[in-house]
mmCIF file of all heavy atoms, coordinates in Angstrom:
data_MODEL
# 
_entry.id   MODEL 
# 
loop_
_atom_site.group_PDB 
_atom_site.id 
_atom_site.type_symbol 
_atom_site.label_atom_id 
_atom_site.label_alt_id 
_atom_site.label_comp_id 
_atom_site.label_asym_id 
_atom_site.label_entity_id 
_atom_site.label_seq_id 
_atom_site.pdbx_PDB_ins_code 
_atom_site.Cartn_x 
_atom_site.Cartn_y 
_atom_site.Cartn_z 
_atom_site.occupancy 
_atom_site.B_iso_or_equiv 
_atom_site.pdbx_formal_charge 
_atom_site.auth_seq_id 
_atom_site.auth_comp_id 
_atom_site.auth_asym_id 
_atom_site.auth_atom_id 
_atom_site.pdbx_PDB_model_num 
ATOM 1   N N   . PHE A 1 1  ? 0.759  -1.205  -0.007  1.00 0.00 ? 1  PHE A N   1 
ATOM 2   C CA  . PHE A 1 1  ? -0.008 0.028   0.043   1.00 0.00 ? 1  PHE A CA  1 
ATOM 3   C C   . PHE A 1 1  ? 0.822  1.308   -0.068  1.00 0.00 ? 1  PHE A C   1 
ATOM 4   O O   . PHE A 1 1  ? 0.944  2.047   0.934   1.00 0.00 ? 1  PHE A O   1 
ATOM 5   C CB  . PHE A 1 1  ? -0.921 -0.040  1.221   1.00 0.00 ? 1  PHE A CB  1 
ATOM 6   C CG  . PHE A 1 1  ? -1.974 -1.112  1.135   1.00 0.00 ? 1  PHE A CG  1 
ATOM 7   C CD1 . PHE A 1 1  ? -2.411 -1.789  2.259   1.00 0.00 ? 1  PHE A CD1 1 
ATOM 8   C CD2 . PHE A 1 1  ? -2.546 -1.447  -0.019  1.00 0.00 ? 1  PHE A CD2 1 
ATOM 9   C CE1 . PHE A 1 1  ? -3.375 -2.782  2.183   1.00 0.00 ? 1  PHE A CE1 1 
ATOM 10  C CE2 . PHE A 1 1  ? -3.548 -2.419  -0.188  1.00 0.00 ? 1  PHE A CE2 1 
ATOM 11  C CZ  . PHE A 1 1  ? -3.901 -3.100  1.028   1.00 0.00 ? 1  PHE A CZ  1 
ATOM 12  N N   . ARG A 1 2  ? 1.584  1.453   -1.051  1.00 0.00 ? 2  ARG A N   1 
ATOM 13  C CA  . ARG A 1 2  ? 2.431  2.613   -1.271  1.00 0.00 ? 2  ARG A CA  1 
ATOM 14  C C   . ARG A 1 2  ? 2.189  3.230   -2.654  1.00 0.00 ? 2  ARG A C   1 
ATOM 15  O O   . ARG A 1 2  ? 1.558  2.615   -3.540  1.00 0.00 ? 2  ARG A O   1 
ATOM 16  C CB  . ARG A 1 2  ? 3.941  2.191   -1.134  1.00 0.00 ? 2  ARG A CB  1 
ATOM 17  C CG  . ARG A 1 2  ? 4.408  1.176   -2.247  1.00 0.00 ? 2  ARG A CG  1 
ATOM 18  C CD  . ARG A 1 2  ? 5.751  0.608   -1.891  1.00 0.00 ? 2  ARG A CD  1 
ATOM 19  N NE  . ARG A 1 2  ? 6.340  0.052   -3.052  1.00 0.00 ? 2  ARG A NE  1 
ATOM 20  C CZ  . ARG A 1 2  ? 6.155  -1.239  -3.370  1.00 0.00 ? 2  ARG A CZ  1 
ATOM 21  N NH1 . ARG A 1 2  ? 5.331  -1.894  -2.637  1.00 0.00 ? 2  ARG A NH1 1 
ATOM 22  N NH2 . ARG A 1 2  ? 6.758  -1.731  -4.378  1.00 0.00 ? 2  ARG A NH2 1 
ATOM 23  N N   . PRO A 1 3  ? 2.566  4.406   -2.954  1.00 0.00 ? 3  PRO A N   1 
ATOM 24  C CA  . PRO A 1 3  ? 2.354  5.019   -4.214  1.00 0.00 ? 3  PRO A CA  1 
ATOM 25  C C   . PRO A 1 3  ? 2.692  4.238   -5.421  1.00 0.00 ? 3  PRO A C   1 
ATOM 26  O O   . PRO A 1 3  ? 3.860  3.600   -5.406  1.00 0.00 ? 3  PRO A O   1 
ATOM 27  C CB  . PRO A 1 3  ? 3.055  6.307   -4.176  1.00 0.00 ? 3  PRO A CB  1 
ATOM 28  C CG  . PRO A 1 3  ? 3.160  6.729   -2.664  1.00 0.00 ? 3  PRO A CG  1 
ATOM 29  C CD  . PRO A 1 3  ? 3.282  5.372   -1.956  1.00 0.00 ? 3  PRO A CD  1 
ATOM 30  N N   . VAL A 1 4  ? 1.909  4.190   -6.452  1.00 0.00 ? 4  VAL A N   1 
ATOM 31  C CA  . VAL A 1 4  ? 2.212  3.414   -7.644  1.00 0.00 ? 4  VAL A CA  1 
ATOM 32  C C   . VAL A 1 4  ? 2.885  4.338   -8.582  1.00 0.00 ? 4  VAL A C   1 
ATOM 33  O O   . VAL A 1 4  ? 3.000  5.571   -8.417  1.00 0.00 ? 4  VAL A O   1 
ATOM 34  C CB  . VAL A 1 4  ? 0.922  2.910   -8.298  1.00 0.00 ? 4  VAL A CB  1 
ATOM 35  C CG1 . VAL A 1 4  ? 0.119  2.039   -7.462  1.00 0.00 ? 4  VAL A CG1 1 
ATOM 36  C CG2 . VAL A 1 4  ? 0.074  4.050   -8.870  1.00 0.00 ? 4  VAL A CG2 1 
ATOM 37  N N   . ARG A 1 5  ? 3.612  3.770   -9.575  1.00 0.00 ? 5  ARG A N   1 
ATOM 38  C CA  . ARG A 1 5  ? 4.371  4.626   -10.584 1.00 0.00 ? 5  ARG A CA  1 
ATOM 39  C C   . ARG A 1 5  ? 3.436  5.229   -11.486 1.00 0.00 ? 5  ARG A C   1 
ATOM 40  O O   . ARG A 1 5  ? 2.371  4.751   -11.928 1.00 0.00 ? 5  ARG A O   1 
ATOM 41  C CB  . ARG A 1 5  ? 5.427  3.765   -11.279 1.00 0.00 ? 5  ARG A CB  1 
ATOM 42  C CG  . ARG A 1 5  ? 6.491  3.092   -10.436 1.00 0.00 ? 5  ARG A CG  1 
ATOM 43  C CD  . ARG A 1 5  ? 7.253  2.225   -11.151 1.00 0.00 ? 5  ARG A CD  1 
ATOM 44  N NE  . ARG A 1 5  ? 6.578  0.960   -11.511 1.00 0.00 ? 5  ARG A NE  1 
ATOM 45  C CZ  . ARG A 1 5  ? 7.130  -0.077  -12.115 1.00 0.00 ? 5  ARG A CZ  1 
ATOM 46  N NH1 . ARG A 1 5  ? 8.350  -0.092  -12.554 1.00 0.00 ? 5  ARG A NH1 1 
ATOM 47  N NH2 . ARG A 1 5  ? 6.317  -1.136  -12.500 1.00 0.00 ? 5  ARG A NH2 1 
ATOM 48  N N   . ALA A 1 6  ? 3.713  6.507   -11.920 1.00 0.00 ? 6  ALA A N   1 
ATOM 49  C CA  . ALA A 1 6  ? 2.832  7.231   -12.830 1.00 0.00 ? 6  ALA A CA  1 
ATOM 50  C C   . ALA A 1 6  ? 3.026  6.545   -14.218 1.00 0.00 ? 6  ALA A C   1 
ATOM 51  O O   . ALA A 1 6  ? 3.942  5.913   -14.474 1.00 0.00 ? 6  ALA A O   1 
ATOM 52  C CB  . ALA A 1 6  ? 3.367  8.663   -12.881 1.00 0.00 ? 6  ALA A CB  1 
ATOM 53  N N   . GLY A 1 7  ? 1.978  6.885   -15.047 1.00 0.00 ? 7  GLY A N   1 
ATOM 54  C CA  . GLY A 1 7  ? 2.032  6.380   -16.473 1.00 0.00 ? 7  GLY A CA  1 
ATOM 55  C C   . GLY A 1 7  ? 1.005  5.268   -16.647 1.00 0.00 ? 7  GLY A C   1 
ATOM 56  O O   . GLY A 1 7  ? 0.335  5.312   -17.692 1.00 0.00 ? 7  GLY A O   1 
ATOM 57  N N   . ASN A 1 8  ? 0.935  4.269   -15.773 1.00 0.00 ? 8  ASN A N   1 
ATOM 58  C CA  . ASN A 1 8  ? 0.015  3.134   -15.911 1.00 0.00 ? 8  ASN A CA  1 
ATOM 59  C C   . ASN A 1 8  ? -0.653 2.945   -14.606 1.00 0.00 ? 8  ASN A C   1 
ATOM 60  O O   . ASN A 1 8  ? -0.629 1.884   -13.954 1.00 0.00 ? 8  ASN A O   1 
ATOM 61  C CB  . ASN A 1 8  ? 0.801  1.923   -16.283 1.00 0.00 ? 8  ASN A CB  1 
ATOM 62  C CG  . ASN A 1 8  ? 1.483  1.986   -17.713 1.00 0.00 ? 8  ASN A CG  1 
ATOM 63  O OD1 . ASN A 1 8  ? 0.779  2.144   -18.718 1.00 0.00 ? 8  ASN A OD1 1 
ATOM 64  N ND2 . ASN A 1 8  ? 2.859  1.961   -17.710 1.00 0.00 ? 8  ASN A ND2 1 
ATOM 65  N N   . SER A 1 9  ? -1.273 3.998   -14.063 1.00 0.00 ? 9  SER A N   1 
ATOM 66  C CA  . SER A 1 9  ? -1.847 4.012   -12.620 1.00 0.00 ? 9  SER A CA  1 
ATOM 67  C C   . SER A 1 9  ? -2.945 2.866   -12.526 1.00 0.00 ? 9  SER A C   1 
ATOM 68  O O   . SER A 1 9  ? -2.993 2.331   -11.480 1.00 0.00 ? 9  SER A O   1 
ATOM 69  C CB  . SER A 1 9  ? -2.311 5.265   -12.369 1.00 0.00 ? 9  SER A CB  1 
ATOM 70  O OG  . SER A 1 9  ? -3.385 5.693   -13.156 1.00 0.00 ? 9  SER A OG  1 
ATOM 71  N N   . PHE A 1 10 ? -3.765 2.587   -13.590 1.00 0.00 ? 10 PHE A N   1 
ATOM 72  C CA  . PHE A 1 10 ? -4.814 1.610   -13.423 1.00 0.00 ? 10 PHE A CA  1 
ATOM 73  C C   . PHE A 1 10 ? -4.122 0.241   -13.342 1.00 0.00 ? 10 PHE A C   1 
ATOM 74  O O   . PHE A 1 10 ? -4.461 -0.484  -12.343 1.00 0.00 ? 10 PHE A O   1 
ATOM 75  C CB  . PHE A 1 10 ? -5.800 1.829   -14.576 1.00 0.00 ? 10 PHE A CB  1 
ATOM 76  C CG  . PHE A 1 10 ? -6.629 0.553   -14.654 1.00 0.00 ? 10 PHE A CG  1 
ATOM 77  C CD1 . PHE A 1 10 ? -7.744 0.353   -13.754 1.00 0.00 ? 10 PHE A CD1 1 
ATOM 78  C CD2 . PHE A 1 10 ? -6.477 -0.464  -15.666 1.00 0.00 ? 10 PHE A CD2 1 
ATOM 79  C CE1 . PHE A 1 10 ? -8.499 -0.748  -13.842 1.00 0.00 ? 10 PHE A CE1 1 
ATOM 80  C CE2 . PHE A 1 10 ? -7.270 -1.454  -15.743 1.00 0.00 ? 10 PHE A CE2 1 
ATOM 81  C CZ  . PHE A 1 10 ? -8.288 -1.715  -14.874 1.00 0.00 ? 10 PHE A CZ  1 
ATOM 82  N N   . GLU A 1 11 ? -3.290 -0.109  -14.348 1.00 0.00 ? 11 GLU A N   1 
ATOM 83  C CA  . GLU A 1 11 ? -2.650 -1.358  -14.253 1.00 0.00 ? 11 GLU A CA  1 
ATOM 84  C C   . GLU A 1 11 ? -1.801 -1.610  -13.002 1.00 0.00 ? 11 GLU A C   1 
ATOM 85  O O   . GLU A 1 11 ? -1.848 -2.673  -12.512 1.00 0.00 ? 11 GLU A O   1 
ATOM 86  C CB  . GLU A 1 11 ? -1.710 -1.491  -15.671 1.00 0.00 ? 11 GLU A CB  1 
ATOM 87  C CG  . GLU A 1 11 ? -2.480 -1.536  -16.832 1.00 0.00 ? 11 GLU A CG  1 
ATOM 88  C CD  . GLU A 1 11 ? -2.885 -0.293  -17.432 1.00 0.00 ? 11 GLU A CD  1 
ATOM 89  O OE1 . GLU A 1 11 ? -2.598 0.836   -16.775 1.00 0.00 ? 11 GLU A OE1 1 
ATOM 90  O OE2 . GLU A 1 11 ? -3.580 -0.087  -18.528 1.00 0.00 ? 11 GLU A OE2 1 
ATOM 91  N N   . GLU A 1 12 ? -1.004 -0.594  -12.552 1.00 0.00 ? 12 GLU A N   1 
ATOM 92  C CA  . GLU A 1 12 ? -0.292 -0.737  -11.451 1.00 0.00 ? 12 GLU A CA  1 
ATOM 93  C C   . GLU A 1 12 ? -1.285 -0.919  -10.127 1.00 0.00 ? 12 GLU A C   1 
ATOM 94  O O   . GLU A 1 12 ? -0.831 -1.694  -9.245  1.00 0.00 ? 12 GLU A O   1 
ATOM 95  C CB  . GLU A 1 12 ? 0.592  0.592   -11.075 1.00 0.00 ? 12 GLU A CB  1 
ATOM 96  C CG  . GLU A 1 12 ? 1.715  0.685   -12.113 1.00 0.00 ? 12 GLU A CG  1 
ATOM 97  C CD  . GLU A 1 12 ? 3.015  -0.017  -11.665 1.00 0.00 ? 12 GLU A CD  1 
ATOM 98  O OE1 . GLU A 1 12 ? 2.985  -0.326  -10.449 1.00 0.00 ? 12 GLU A OE1 1 
ATOM 99  O OE2 . GLU A 1 12 ? 3.927  -0.161  -12.470 1.00 0.00 ? 12 GLU A OE2 1 
ATOM 100 N N   . THR A 1 13 ? -2.303 -0.235  -10.056 1.00 0.00 ? 13 THR A N   1 
ATOM 101 C CA  . THR A 1 13 ? -3.196 -0.381  -9.031  1.00 0.00 ? 13 THR A CA  1 
ATOM 102 C C   . THR A 1 13 ? -3.830 -1.781  -8.956  1.00 0.00 ? 13 THR A C   1 
ATOM 103 O O   . THR A 1 13 ? -3.862 -2.394  -7.874  1.00 0.00 ? 13 THR A O   1 
ATOM 104 C CB  . THR A 1 13 ? -4.303 0.636   -9.034  1.00 0.00 ? 13 THR A CB  1 
ATOM 105 O OG1 . THR A 1 13 ? -3.773 1.958   -8.939  1.00 0.00 ? 13 THR A OG1 1 
ATOM 106 C CG2 . THR A 1 13 ? -5.321 0.477   -7.838  1.00 0.00 ? 13 THR A CG2 1 
ATOM 107 N N   . VAL A 1 14 ? -4.274 -2.244  -10.108 1.00 0.00 ? 14 VAL A N   1 
ATOM 108 C CA  . VAL A 1 14 ? -4.810 -3.674  -10.134 1.00 0.00 ? 14 VAL A CA  1 
ATOM 109 C C   . VAL A 1 14 ? -3.722 -4.539  -9.746  1.00 0.00 ? 14 VAL A C   1 
ATOM 110 O O   . VAL A 1 14 ? -3.948 -5.563  -9.005  1.00 0.00 ? 14 VAL A O   1 
ATOM 111 C CB  . VAL A 1 14 ? -5.166 -3.934  -11.686 1.00 0.00 ? 14 VAL A CB  1 
ATOM 112 C CG1 . VAL A 1 14 ? -5.480 -5.461  -11.799 1.00 0.00 ? 14 VAL A CG1 1 
ATOM 113 C CG2 . VAL A 1 14 ? -6.449 -3.189  -12.034 1.00 0.00 ? 14 VAL A CG2 1 
ATOM 114 N N   . ALA A 1 15 ? -2.471 -4.512  -10.291 1.00 0.00 ? 15 ALA A N   1 
ATOM 115 C CA  . ALA A 1 15 ? -1.359 -5.343  -9.863  1.00 0.00 ? 15 ALA A CA  1 
ATOM 116 C C   . ALA A 1 15 ? -1.012 -5.350  -8.326  1.00 0.00 ? 15 ALA A C   1 
ATOM 117 O O   . ALA A 1 15 ? -0.850 -6.396  -7.818  1.00 0.00 ? 15 ALA A O   1 
ATOM 118 C CB  . ALA A 1 15 ? -0.128 -5.038  -10.743 1.00 0.00 ? 15 ALA A CB  1 
ATOM 119 N N   . ARG A 1 16 ? -1.068 -4.196  -7.801  1.00 0.00 ? 16 ARG A N   1 
ATOM 120 C CA  . ARG A 1 16 ? -0.704 -4.056  -6.422  1.00 0.00 ? 16 ARG A CA  1 
ATOM 121 C C   . ARG A 1 16 ? -1.803 -4.720  -5.595  1.00 0.00 ? 16 ARG A C   1 
ATOM 122 O O   . ARG A 1 16 ? -1.425 -5.371  -4.587  1.00 0.00 ? 16 ARG A O   1 
ATOM 123 C CB  . ARG A 1 16 ? -0.570 -2.593  -6.065  1.00 0.00 ? 16 ARG A CB  1 
ATOM 124 C CG  . ARG A 1 16 ? 0.176  -2.365  -4.793  1.00 0.00 ? 16 ARG A CG  1 
ATOM 125 C CD  . ARG A 1 16 ? 1.636  -2.624  -4.864  1.00 0.00 ? 16 ARG A CD  1 
ATOM 126 N NE  . ARG A 1 16 ? 2.314  -1.863  -5.709  1.00 0.00 ? 16 ARG A NE  1 
ATOM 127 C CZ  . ARG A 1 16 ? 2.630  -0.546  -5.688  1.00 0.00 ? 16 ARG A CZ  1 
ATOM 128 N NH1 . ARG A 1 16 ? 2.332  0.010   -4.489  1.00 0.00 ? 16 ARG A NH1 1 
ATOM 129 N NH2 . ARG A 1 16 ? 3.387  0.071   -6.569  1.00 0.00 ? 16 ARG A NH2 1 
ATOM 130 N N   . LEU A 1 17 ? -3.041 -4.461  -5.895  1.00 0.00 ? 17 LEU A N   1 
ATOM 131 C CA  . LEU A 1 17 ? -4.167 -5.152  -5.152  1.00 0.00 ? 17 LEU A CA  1 
ATOM 132 C C   . LEU A 1 17 ? -4.086 -6.626  -5.386  1.00 0.00 ? 17 LEU A C   1 
ATOM 133 O O   . LEU A 1 17 ? -4.343 -7.346  -4.286  1.00 0.00 ? 17 LEU A O   1 
ATOM 134 C CB  . LEU A 1 17 ? -5.439 -4.548  -5.578  1.00 0.00 ? 17 LEU A CB  1 
ATOM 135 C CG  . LEU A 1 17 ? -5.783 -3.149  -5.228  1.00 0.00 ? 17 LEU A CG  1 
ATOM 136 C CD1 . LEU A 1 17 ? -7.098 -2.631  -5.817  1.00 0.00 ? 17 LEU A CD1 1 
ATOM 137 C CD2 . LEU A 1 17 ? -5.968 -3.030  -3.688  1.00 0.00 ? 17 LEU A CD2 1 
ATOM 138 N N   . LEU A 1 18 ? -3.789 -7.156  -6.494  1.00 0.00 ? 18 LEU A N   1 
ATOM 139 C CA  . LEU A 1 18 ? -3.807 -8.487  -6.739  1.00 0.00 ? 18 LEU A CA  1 
ATOM 140 C C   . LEU A 1 18 ? -2.565 -9.052  -5.940  1.00 0.00 ? 18 LEU A C   1 
ATOM 141 O O   . LEU A 1 18 ? -2.710 -10.161 -5.388  1.00 0.00 ? 18 LEU A O   1 
ATOM 142 C CB  . LEU A 1 18 ? -3.688 -8.748  -8.257  1.00 0.00 ? 18 LEU A CB  1 
ATOM 143 C CG  . LEU A 1 18 ? -3.533 -10.215 -8.769  1.00 0.00 ? 18 LEU A CG  1 
ATOM 144 C CD1 . LEU A 1 18 ? -4.829 -10.992 -8.349  1.00 0.00 ? 18 LEU A CD1 1 
ATOM 145 C CD2 . LEU A 1 18 ? -3.350 -10.330 -10.158 1.00 0.00 ? 18 LEU A CD2 1 
ATOM 146 N N   . GLN A 1 19 ? -1.509 -8.432  -5.938  1.00 0.00 ? 19 GLN A N   1 
ATOM 147 C CA  . GLN A 1 19 ? -0.397 -8.913  -5.234  1.00 0.00 ? 19 GLN A CA  1 
ATOM 148 C C   . GLN A 1 19 ? -0.694 -9.014  -3.757  1.00 0.00 ? 19 GLN A C   1 
ATOM 149 O O   . GLN A 1 19 ? -0.301 -9.973  -3.072  1.00 0.00 ? 19 GLN A O   1 
ATOM 150 C CB  . GLN A 1 19 ? 0.833  -7.934  -5.442  1.00 0.00 ? 19 GLN A CB  1 
ATOM 151 C CG  . GLN A 1 19 ? 2.133  -8.473  -4.901  1.00 0.00 ? 19 GLN A CG  1 
ATOM 152 C CD  . GLN A 1 19 ? 3.282  -7.444  -5.252  1.00 0.00 ? 19 GLN A CD  1 
ATOM 153 O OE1 . GLN A 1 19 ? 3.125  -6.203  -5.290  1.00 0.00 ? 19 GLN A OE1 1 
ATOM 154 N NE2 . GLN A 1 19 ? 4.446  -7.997  -5.494  1.00 0.00 ? 19 GLN A NE2 1 
ATOM 155 N N   . THR A 1 20 ? -1.361 -8.003  -3.184  1.00 0.00 ? 20 THR A N   1 
ATOM 156 C CA  . THR A 1 20 ? -1.742 -8.026  -1.843  1.00 0.00 ? 20 THR A CA  1 
ATOM 157 C C   . THR A 1 20 ? -2.583 -9.163  -1.432  1.00 0.00 ? 20 THR A C   1 
ATOM 158 O O   . THR A 1 20 ? -2.434 -9.864  -0.384  1.00 0.00 ? 20 THR A O   1 
ATOM 159 C CB  . THR A 1 20 ? -2.580 -6.818  -1.463  1.00 0.00 ? 20 THR A CB  1 
ATOM 160 O OG1 . THR A 1 20 ? -1.759 -5.672  -1.736  1.00 0.00 ? 20 THR A OG1 1 
ATOM 161 C CG2 . THR A 1 20 ? -3.009 -6.778  -0.045  1.00 0.00 ? 20 THR A CG2 1 
ATOM 162 N N   . ILE A 1 21 ? -3.505 -9.657  -2.383  1.00 0.00 ? 21 ILE A N   1 
ATOM 163 C CA  . ILE A 1 21 ? -4.295 -10.794 -2.162  1.00 0.00 ? 21 ILE A CA  1 
ATOM 164 C C   . ILE A 1 21 ? -3.610 -11.953 -2.356  1.00 0.00 ? 21 ILE A C   1 
ATOM 165 O O   . ILE A 1 21 ? -3.613 -12.971 -1.601  1.00 0.00 ? 21 ILE A O   1 
ATOM 166 C CB  . ILE A 1 21 ? -5.640 -10.699 -3.129  1.00 0.00 ? 21 ILE A CB  1 
ATOM 167 C CG1 . ILE A 1 21 ? -6.381 -9.418  -2.798  1.00 0.00 ? 21 ILE A CG1 1 
ATOM 168 C CG2 . ILE A 1 21 ? -6.330 -12.014 -3.103  1.00 0.00 ? 21 ILE A CG2 1 
ATOM 169 C CD1 . ILE A 1 21 ? -7.527 -9.175  -3.845  1.00 0.00 ? 21 ILE A CD1 1 
ATOM 170 N N   . ARG A 1 22 ? -2.860 -12.133 -3.430  1.00 0.00 ? 22 ARG A N   1 
ATOM 171 C CA  . ARG A 1 22 ? -2.070 -13.392 -3.768  1.00 0.00 ? 22 ARG A CA  1 
ATOM 172 C C   . ARG A 1 22 ? -1.119 -13.691 -2.619  1.00 0.00 ? 22 ARG A C   1 
ATOM 173 O O   . ARG A 1 22 ? -0.823 -14.860 -2.343  1.00 0.00 ? 22 ARG A O   1 
ATOM 174 C CB  . ARG A 1 22 ? -1.429 -13.286 -5.045  1.00 0.00 ? 22 ARG A CB  1 
ATOM 175 C CG  . ARG A 1 22 ? -2.303 -13.420 -6.291  1.00 0.00 ? 22 ARG A CG  1 
ATOM 176 C CD  . ARG A 1 22 ? -2.935 -14.819 -6.356  1.00 0.00 ? 22 ARG A CD  1 
ATOM 177 N NE  . ARG A 1 22 ? -3.389 -15.110 -7.644  1.00 0.00 ? 22 ARG A NE  1 
ATOM 178 C CZ  . ARG A 1 22 ? -4.263 -16.133 -7.949  1.00 0.00 ? 22 ARG A CZ  1 
ATOM 179 N NH1 . ARG A 1 22 ? -4.818 -16.724 -7.002  1.00 0.00 ? 22 ARG A NH1 1 
ATOM 180 N NH2 . ARG A 1 22 ? -4.584 -16.295 -9.208  1.00 0.00 ? 22 ARG A NH2 1 
ATOM 181 N N   . LEU A 1 23 ? -0.461 -12.672 -2.033  1.00 0.00 ? 23 LEU A N   1 
ATOM 182 C CA  . LEU A 1 23 ? 0.519  -12.985 -1.023  1.00 0.00 ? 23 LEU A CA  1 
ATOM 183 C C   . LEU A 1 23 ? -0.083 -13.192 0.342   1.00 0.00 ? 23 LEU A C   1 
ATOM 184 O O   . LEU A 1 23 ? 0.717  -13.312 1.292   1.00 0.00 ? 23 LEU A O   1 
ATOM 185 C CB  . LEU A 1 23 ? 1.621  -11.762 -0.905  1.00 0.00 ? 23 LEU A CB  1 
ATOM 186 C CG  . LEU A 1 23 ? 2.494  -11.745 -2.255  1.00 0.00 ? 23 LEU A CG  1 
ATOM 187 C CD1 . LEU A 1 23 ? 3.381  -10.534 -2.114  1.00 0.00 ? 23 LEU A CD1 1 
ATOM 188 C CD2 . LEU A 1 23 ? 3.245  -12.945 -2.590  1.00 0.00 ? 23 LEU A CD2 1 
ATOM 189 N N   . GLY A 1 24 ? -1.345 -13.091 0.461   1.00 0.00 ? 24 GLY A N   1 
ATOM 190 C CA  . GLY A 1 24 ? -2.033 -13.282 1.712   1.00 0.00 ? 24 GLY A CA  1 
ATOM 191 C C   . GLY A 1 24 ? -1.986 -12.205 2.759   1.00 0.00 ? 24 GLY A C   1 
ATOM 192 O O   . GLY A 1 24 ? -2.313 -12.365 3.910   1.00 0.00 ? 24 GLY A O   1 
ATOM 193 N N   . LEU A 1 25 ? -1.605 -10.961 2.344   1.00 0.00 ? 25 LEU A N   1 
ATOM 194 C CA  . LEU A 1 25 ? -1.593 -9.848  3.322   1.00 0.00 ? 25 LEU A CA  1 
ATOM 195 C C   . LEU A 1 25 ? -2.970 -9.372  3.679   1.00 0.00 ? 25 LEU A C   1 
ATOM 196 O O   . LEU A 1 25 ? -3.142 -8.873  4.664   1.00 0.00 ? 25 LEU A O   1 
ATOM 197 C CB  . LEU A 1 25 ? -0.734 -8.735  2.620   1.00 0.00 ? 25 LEU A CB  1 
ATOM 198 C CG  . LEU A 1 25 ? 0.682  -9.179  2.294   1.00 0.00 ? 25 LEU A CG  1 
ATOM 199 C CD1 . LEU A 1 25 ? 1.437  -7.895  1.732   1.00 0.00 ? 25 LEU A CD1 1 
ATOM 200 C CD2 . LEU A 1 25 ? 1.384  -9.731  3.403   1.00 0.00 ? 25 LEU A CD2 1 
# 
């Protein structure tokens, strides 16, 4: 839960949320 990189904010947000779920956090 930290700032995503600019440029692909939607894709980065999806990936970060998915990572949070997949890693069990």
